Amino acid sequence: PALSKAKLFDGNSIPVTVRFSDSTGIPN
């Protein structure tokens, strides 16, 4: 909070969805 007043950084637990990925548009 010393850096940002955004709700994201107020210390409460925030649910997240994370996607890890490979580069390129080749799906296989």
PDB file of all heavy atoms in Angstrom:
ATOM      1  N   PRO A   1       0.799  -1.234   0.000  1.00  0.00           N
ATOM      2  CA  PRO A   1       0.000   0.000   0.000  1.00  0.00           C
ATOM      3  C   PRO A   1       0.829   1.280   0.000  1.00  0.00           C
ATOM      4  O   PRO A   1       0.315   2.338  -0.379  1.00  0.00           O
ATOM      5  CB  PRO A   1      -0.818  -0.124   1.290  1.00  0.00           C
ATOM      6  CG  PRO A   1      -0.915  -1.597   1.524  1.00  0.00           C
ATOM      7  CD  PRO A   1       0.420  -2.126   1.096  1.00  0.00           C
ATOM      8  N   ALA A   2       2.098   1.195   0.388  1.00  0.00           N
ATOM      9  CA  ALA A   2       2.947   2.387   0.344  1.00  0.00           C
ATOM     10  C   ALA A   2       3.228   2.807  -1.086  1.00  0.00           C
ATOM     11  O   ALA A   2       3.569   3.967  -1.345  1.00  0.00           O
ATOM     12  CB  ALA A   2       4.260   2.123   1.086  1.00  0.00           C
ATOM     13  N   LEU A   3       3.061   1.863  -2.032  1.00  0.00           N
ATOM     14  CA  LEU A   3       3.297   2.154  -3.446  1.00  0.00           C
ATOM     15  C   LEU A   3       2.008   2.426  -4.210  1.00  0.00           C
ATOM     16  O   LEU A   3       1.989   3.231  -5.142  1.00  0.00           O
ATOM     17  CB  LEU A   3       4.035   0.986  -4.101  1.00  0.00           C
ATOM     18  CG  LEU A   3       5.508   0.810  -3.773  1.00  0.00           C
ATOM     19  CD1 LEU A   3       6.027  -0.476  -4.414  1.00  0.00           C
ATOM     20  CD2 LEU A   3       6.313   2.004  -4.250  1.00  0.00           C
ATOM     21  N   SER A   4       0.925   1.732  -3.837  1.00  0.00           N
ATOM     22  CA  SER A   4      -0.300   1.849  -4.623  1.00  0.00           C
ATOM     23  C   SER A   4      -1.538   1.756  -3.729  1.00  0.00           C
ATOM     24  O   SER A   4      -1.594   0.936  -2.805  1.00  0.00           O
ATOM     25  CB  SER A   4      -0.349   0.745  -5.679  1.00  0.00           C
ATOM     26  OG  SER A   4      -1.586   0.742  -6.360  1.00  0.00           O
ATOM     27  N   LYS A   5      -2.525   2.592  -4.033  1.00  0.00           N
ATOM     28  CA  LYS A   5      -3.806   2.542  -3.333  1.00  0.00           C
ATOM     29  C   LYS A   5      -4.797   1.609  -4.013  1.00  0.00           C
ATOM     30  O   LYS A   5      -5.943   1.496  -3.575  1.00  0.00           O
ATOM     31  CB  LYS A   5      -4.406   3.940  -3.253  1.00  0.00           C
ATOM     32  CG  LYS A   5      -4.695   4.574  -4.618  1.00  0.00           C
ATOM     33  CD  LYS A   5      -5.216   5.993  -4.475  1.00  0.00           C
ATOM     34  CE  LYS A   5      -5.454   6.640  -5.831  1.00  0.00           C
ATOM     35  NZ  LYS A   5      -5.946   8.032  -5.713  1.00  0.00           N
ATOM     36  N   ALA A   6      -4.384   0.914  -5.059  1.00  0.00           N
ATOM     37  CA  ALA A   6      -5.270   0.006  -5.787  1.00  0.00           C
ATOM     38  C   ALA A   6      -5.752  -1.120  -4.881  1.00  0.00           C
ATOM     39  O   ALA A   6      -5.020  -1.600  -4.002  1.00  0.00           O
ATOM     40  CB  ALA A   6      -4.554  -0.570  -7.004  1.00  0.00           C
ATOM     41  N   LYS A   7      -6.992  -1.542  -5.092  1.00  0.00           N
ATOM     42  CA  LYS A   7      -7.589  -2.610  -4.301  1.00  0.00           C
ATOM     43  C   LYS A   7      -6.760  -3.885  -4.361  1.00  0.00           C
ATOM     44  O   LYS A   7      -6.719  -4.663  -3.392  1.00  0.00           O
ATOM     45  CB  LYS A   7      -9.005  -2.882  -4.818  1.00  0.00           C
ATOM     46  CG  LYS A   7      -9.818  -3.856  -3.987  1.00  0.00           C
ATOM     47  CD  LYS A   7     -10.175  -3.282  -2.640  1.00  0.00           C
ATOM     48  CE  LYS A   7     -11.067  -4.240  -1.848  1.00  0.00           C
ATOM     49  NZ  LYS A   7     -11.348  -3.737  -0.480  1.00  0.00           N
ATOM     50  N   LEU A   8      -6.081  -4.080  -5.458  1.00  0.00           N
ATOM     51  CA  LEU A   8      -5.257  -5.268  -5.643  1.00  0.00           C
ATOM     52  C   LEU A   8      -4.201  -5.412  -4.554  1.00  0.00           C
ATOM     53  O   LEU A   8      -3.802  -6.524  -4.196  1.00  0.00           O
ATOM     54  CB  LEU A   8      -4.590  -5.197  -7.028  1.00  0.00           C
ATOM     55  CG  LEU A   8      -3.643  -6.327  -7.424  1.00  0.00           C
ATOM     56  CD1 LEU A   8      -4.360  -7.661  -7.448  1.00  0.00           C
ATOM     57  CD2 LEU A   8      -3.035  -6.030  -8.795  1.00  0.00           C
ATOM     58  N   PHE A   9      -3.748  -4.283  -4.005  1.00  0.00           N
ATOM     59  CA  PHE A   9      -2.620  -4.314  -3.078  1.00  0.00           C
ATOM     60  C   PHE A   9      -3.006  -3.989  -1.634  1.00  0.00           C
ATOM     61  O   PHE A   9      -2.168  -3.587  -0.832  1.00  0.00           O
ATOM     62  CB  PHE A   9      -1.550  -3.334  -3.556  1.00  0.00           C
ATOM     63  CG  PHE A   9      -1.057  -3.618  -4.948  1.00  0.00           C
ATOM     64  CD1 PHE A   9      -1.335  -2.746  -5.996  1.00  0.00           C
ATOM     65  CD2 PHE A   9      -0.339  -4.767  -5.222  1.00  0.00           C
ATOM     66  CE1 PHE A   9      -0.893  -3.008  -7.278  1.00  0.00           C
ATOM     67  CE2 PHE A   9       0.109  -5.044  -6.502  1.00  0.00           C
ATOM     68  CZ  PHE A   9      -0.169  -4.166  -7.540  1.00  0.00           C
ATOM     69  N   ASP A  10      -4.299  -4.170  -1.289  1.00  0.00           N
ATOM     70  CA  ASP A  10      -4.720  -3.802   0.067  1.00  0.00           C
ATOM     71  C   ASP A  10      -4.497  -4.898   1.100  1.00  0.00           C
ATOM     72  O   ASP A  10      -4.851  -4.741   2.275  1.00  0.00           O
ATOM     73  CB  ASP A  10      -6.183  -3.346   0.071  1.00  0.00           C
ATOM     74  CG  ASP A  10      -7.164  -4.482  -0.238  1.00  0.00           C
ATOM     75  OD1 ASP A  10      -6.726  -5.635  -0.426  1.00  0.00           O
ATOM     76  OD2 ASP A  10      -8.377  -4.200  -0.295  1.00  0.00           O
ATOM     77  N   GLY A  11      -3.939  -6.026   0.697  1.00  0.00           N
ATOM     78  CA  GLY A  11      -3.611  -7.088   1.638  1.00  0.00           C
ATOM     79  C   GLY A  11      -4.639  -8.191   1.739  1.00  0.00           C
ATOM     80  O   GLY A  11      -4.401  -9.209   2.403  1.00  0.00           O
ATOM     81  N   ASN A  12      -5.800  -8.034   1.109  1.00  0.00           N
ATOM     82  CA  ASN A  12      -6.808  -9.094   1.102  1.00  0.00           C
ATOM     83  C   ASN A  12      -6.457 -10.157   0.068  1.00  0.00           C
ATOM     84  O   ASN A  12      -5.717  -9.908  -0.895  1.00  0.00           O
ATOM     85  CB  ASN A  12      -8.188  -8.511   0.791  1.00  0.00           C
ATOM     86  CG  ASN A  12      -8.732  -7.692   1.936  1.00  0.00           C
ATOM     87  OD1 ASN A  12      -8.725  -8.131   3.088  1.00  0.00           O
ATOM     88  ND2 ASN A  12      -9.193  -6.469   1.641  1.00  0.00           N
ATOM     89  N   SER A  13      -6.991 -11.352   0.263  1.00  0.00           N
ATOM     90  CA  SER A  13      -6.751 -12.454  -0.670  1.00  0.00           C
ATOM     91  C   SER A  13      -7.574 -12.234  -1.943  1.00  0.00           C
ATOM     92  O   SER A  13      -8.786 -12.024  -1.885  1.00  0.00           O
ATOM     93  CB  SER A  13      -7.132 -13.785  -0.017  1.00  0.00           C
ATOM     94  OG  SER A  13      -6.890 -14.861  -0.902  1.00  0.00           O
ATOM     95  N   ILE A  14      -6.903 -12.261  -3.094  1.00  0.00           N
ATOM     96  CA  ILE A  14      -7.531 -12.022  -4.391  1.00  0.00           C
ATOM     97  C   ILE A  14      -7.451 -13.306  -5.222  1.00  0.00           C
ATOM     98  O   ILE A  14      -6.360 -13.819  -5.473  1.00  0.00           O
ATOM     99  CB  ILE A  14      -6.822 -10.877  -5.151  1.00  0.00           C
ATOM    100  CG1 ILE A  14      -6.769  -9.605  -4.309  1.00  0.00           C
ATOM    101  CG2 ILE A  14      -7.485 -10.642  -6.495  1.00  0.00           C
ATOM    102  CD1 ILE A  14      -8.095  -8.955  -4.077  1.00  0.00           C
ATOM    103  N   PRO A  15      -8.594 -13.859  -5.672  1.00  0.00           N
ATOM    104  CA  PRO A  15      -8.532 -15.038  -6.545  1.00  0.00           C
ATOM    105  C   PRO A  15      -7.854 -14.681  -7.876  1.00  0.00           C
ATOM    106  O   PRO A  15      -8.048 -13.578  -8.400  1.00  0.00           O
ATOM    107  CB  PRO A  15     -10.001 -15.405  -6.765  1.00  0.00           C
ATOM    108  CG  PRO A  15     -10.764 -14.675  -5.709  1.00  0.00           C
ATOM    109  CD  PRO A  15      -9.985 -13.436  -5.406  1.00  0.00           C
ATOM    110  N   VAL A  16      -7.088 -15.609  -8.407  1.00  0.00           N
ATOM    111  CA  VAL A  16      -6.400 -15.372  -9.673  1.00  0.00           C
ATOM    112  C   VAL A  16      -6.544 -16.579 -10.589  1.00  0.00           C
ATOM    113  O   VAL A  16      -6.678 -17.716 -10.143  1.00  0.00           O
ATOM    114  CB  VAL A  16      -4.893 -15.070  -9.476  1.00  0.00           C
ATOM    115  CG1 VAL A  16      -4.697 -13.822  -8.640  1.00  0.00           C
ATOM    116  CG2 VAL A  16      -4.171 -16.259  -8.834  1.00  0.00           C
ATOM    117  N   THR A  17      -6.546 -16.291 -11.887  1.00  0.00           N
ATOM    118  CA  THR A  17      -6.430 -17.306 -12.920  1.00  0.00           C
ATOM    119  C   THR A  17      -5.119 -17.036 -13.651  1.00  0.00           C
ATOM    120  O   THR A  17      -4.869 -15.908 -14.075  1.00  0.00           O
ATOM    121  CB  THR A  17      -7.603 -17.241 -13.914  1.00  0.00           C
ATOM    122  OG1 THR A  17      -8.833 -17.367 -13.195  1.00  0.00           O
ATOM    123  CG2 THR A  17      -7.507 -18.362 -14.941  1.00  0.00           C
ATOM    124  N   VAL A  18      -4.287 -18.054 -13.778  1.00  0.00           N
ATOM    125  CA  VAL A  18      -2.948 -17.899 -14.361  1.00  0.00           C
ATOM    126  C   VAL A  18      -2.812 -18.814 -15.570  1.00  0.00           C
ATOM    127  O   VAL A  18      -3.215 -19.981 -15.520  1.00  0.00           O
ATOM    128  CB  VAL A  18      -1.855 -18.242 -13.329  1.00  0.00           C
ATOM    129  CG1 VAL A  18      -0.459 -18.049 -13.935  1.00  0.00           C
ATOM    130  CG2 VAL A  18      -2.007 -17.394 -12.068  1.00  0.00           C
ATOM    131  N   ARG A  19      -2.267 -18.283 -16.644  1.00  0.00           N
ATOM    132  CA  ARG A  19      -2.004 -19.098 -17.831  1.00  0.00           C
ATOM    133  C   ARG A  19      -0.517 -19.052 -18.150  1.00  0.00           C
ATOM    134  O   ARG A  19       0.050 -17.987 -18.409  1.00  0.00           O
ATOM    135  CB  ARG A  19      -2.798 -18.618 -19.050  1.00  0.00           C
ATOM    136  CG  ARG A  19      -2.630 -19.529 -20.278  1.00  0.00           C
ATOM    137  CD  ARG A  19      -3.498 -19.051 -21.436  1.00  0.00           C
ATOM    138  NE  ARG A  19      -3.512 -20.000 -22.529  1.00  0.00           N
ATOM    139  CZ  ARG A  19      -2.710 -19.916 -23.611  1.00  0.00           C
ATOM    140  NH1 ARG A  19      -1.846 -18.908 -23.722  1.00  0.00           N
ATOM    141  NH2 ARG A  19      -2.772 -20.817 -24.563  1.00  0.00           N
ATOM    142  N   PHE A  20       0.127 -20.217 -18.119  1.00  0.00           N
ATOM    143  CA  PHE A  20       1.505 -20.372 -18.579  1.00  0.00           C
ATOM    144  C   PHE A  20       1.454 -20.820 -20.042  1.00  0.00           C
ATOM    145  O   PHE A  20       0.582 -21.615 -20.420  1.00  0.00           O
ATOM    146  CB  PHE A  20       2.251 -21.418 -17.754  1.00  0.00           C
ATOM    147  CG  PHE A  20       2.427 -21.052 -16.304  1.00  0.00           C
ATOM    148  CD1 PHE A  20       1.581 -21.559 -15.340  1.00  0.00           C
ATOM    149  CD2 PHE A  20       3.451 -20.197 -15.918  1.00  0.00           C
ATOM    150  CE1 PHE A  20       1.738 -21.230 -14.000  1.00  0.00           C
ATOM    151  CE2 PHE A  20       3.624 -19.854 -14.581  1.00  0.00           C
ATOM    152  CZ  PHE A  20       2.756 -20.368 -13.622  1.00  0.00           C
ATOM    153  N   SER A  21       2.384 -20.339 -20.858  1.00  0.00           N
ATOM    154  CA  SER A  21       2.266 -20.637 -22.286  1.00  0.00           C
ATOM    155  C   SER A  21       3.610 -20.707 -22.988  1.00  0.00           C
ATOM    156  O   SER A  21       4.625 -20.192 -22.494  1.00  0.00           O
ATOM    157  CB  SER A  21       1.406 -19.570 -22.968  1.00  0.00           C
ATOM    158  OG  SER A  21       2.001 -18.293 -22.832  1.00  0.00           O
ATOM    159  N   ASP A  22       3.584 -21.376 -24.147  1.00  0.00           N
ATOM    160  CA  ASP A  22       4.716 -21.386 -25.078  1.00  0.00           C
ATOM    161  C   ASP A  22       4.506 -20.292 -26.112  1.00  0.00           C
ATOM    162  O   ASP A  22       3.368 -19.965 -26.460  1.00  0.00           O
ATOM    163  CB  ASP A  22       4.811 -22.731 -25.805  1.00  0.00           C
ATOM    164  CG  ASP A  22       5.161 -23.883 -24.877  1.00  0.00           C
ATOM    165  OD1 ASP A  22       5.661 -23.629 -23.769  1.00  0.00           O
ATOM    166  OD2 ASP A  22       4.908 -25.047 -25.270  1.00  0.00           O
ATOM    167  N   SER A  23       5.587 -19.783 -26.653  1.00  0.00           N
ATOM    168  CA  SER A  23       5.487 -18.789 -27.718  1.00  0.00           C
ATOM    169  C   SER A  23       5.016 -19.459 -29.014  1.00  0.00           C
ATOM    170  O   SER A  23       4.946 -20.685 -29.101  1.00  0.00           O
ATOM    171  CB  SER A  23       6.841 -18.114 -27.925  1.00  0.00           C
ATOM    172  OG  SER A  23       6.735 -17.017 -28.798  1.00  0.00           O
ATOM    173  N   THR A  24       4.697 -18.631 -29.993  1.00  0.00           N
ATOM    174  CA  THR A  24       4.220 -18.974 -31.332  1.00  0.00           C
ATOM    175  C   THR A  24       2.736 -19.322 -31.335  1.00  0.00           C
ATOM    176  O   THR A  24       2.131 -19.565 -30.288  1.00  0.00           O
ATOM    177  CB  THR A  24       4.989 -20.131 -32.019  1.00  0.00           C
ATOM    178  OG1 THR A  24       4.486 -21.388 -31.581  1.00  0.00           O
ATOM    179  CG2 THR A  24       6.476 -20.034 -31.782  1.00  0.00           C
ATOM    180  N   GLY A  25       2.177 -19.376 -32.532  1.00  0.00           N
ATOM    181  CA  GLY A  25       0.781 -19.755 -32.708  1.00  0.00           C
ATOM    182  C   GLY A  25       0.603 -21.218 -33.044  1.00  0.00           C
ATOM    183  O   GLY A  25      -0.462 -21.618 -33.511  1.00  0.00           O
ATOM    184  N   ILE A  26       1.631 -22.039 -32.811  1.00  0.00           N
ATOM    185  CA  ILE A  26       1.587 -23.469 -33.140  1.00  0.00           C
ATOM    186  C   ILE A  26       1.079 -24.241 -31.925  1.00  0.00           C
ATOM    187  O   ILE A  26       1.774 -24.326 -30.906  1.00  0.00           O
ATOM    188  CB  ILE A  26       2.986 -23.976 -33.556  1.00  0.00           C
ATOM    189  CG1 ILE A  26       3.521 -23.125 -34.715  1.00  0.00           C
ATOM    190  CG2 ILE A  26       2.939 -25.449 -33.929  1.00  0.00           C
ATOM    191  CD1 ILE A  26       4.978 -23.400 -35.060  1.00  0.00           C
ATOM    192  N   PRO A  27      -0.122 -24.813 -31.977  1.00  0.00           N
ATOM    193  CA  PRO A  27      -0.720 -25.394 -30.773  1.00  0.00           C
ATOM    194  C   PRO A  27      -0.103 -26.705 -30.295  1.00  0.00           C
ATOM    195  O   PRO A  27      -0.280 -27.081 -29.142  1.00  0.00           O
ATOM    196  CB  PRO A  27      -2.191 -25.592 -31.164  1.00  0.00           C
ATOM    197  CG  PRO A  27      -2.185 -25.672 -32.646  1.00  0.00           C
ATOM    198  CD  PRO A  27      -1.064 -24.796 -33.109  1.00  0.00           C
ATOM    199  N   ASN A  28       0.627 -27.419 -31.161  1.00  0.00           N
ATOM    200  CA  ASN A  28       1.224 -28.695 -30.762  1.00  0.00           C
ATOM    201  C   ASN A  28       2.744 -28.604 -30.650  1.00  0.00           C
ATOM    202  O   ASN A  28       3.449 -29.603 -30.746  1.00  0.00           O
ATOM    203  CB  ASN A  28       0.835 -29.798 -31.746  1.00  0.00           C
ATOM    204  CG  ASN A  28       1.282 -29.491 -33.175  1.00  0.00           C
ATOM    205  OD1 ASN A  28       1.706 -28.370 -33.475  1.00  0.00           O
ATOM    206  ND2 ASN A  28       1.190 -30.478 -34.050  1.00  0.00           N
TER     207      ASN A  28
END
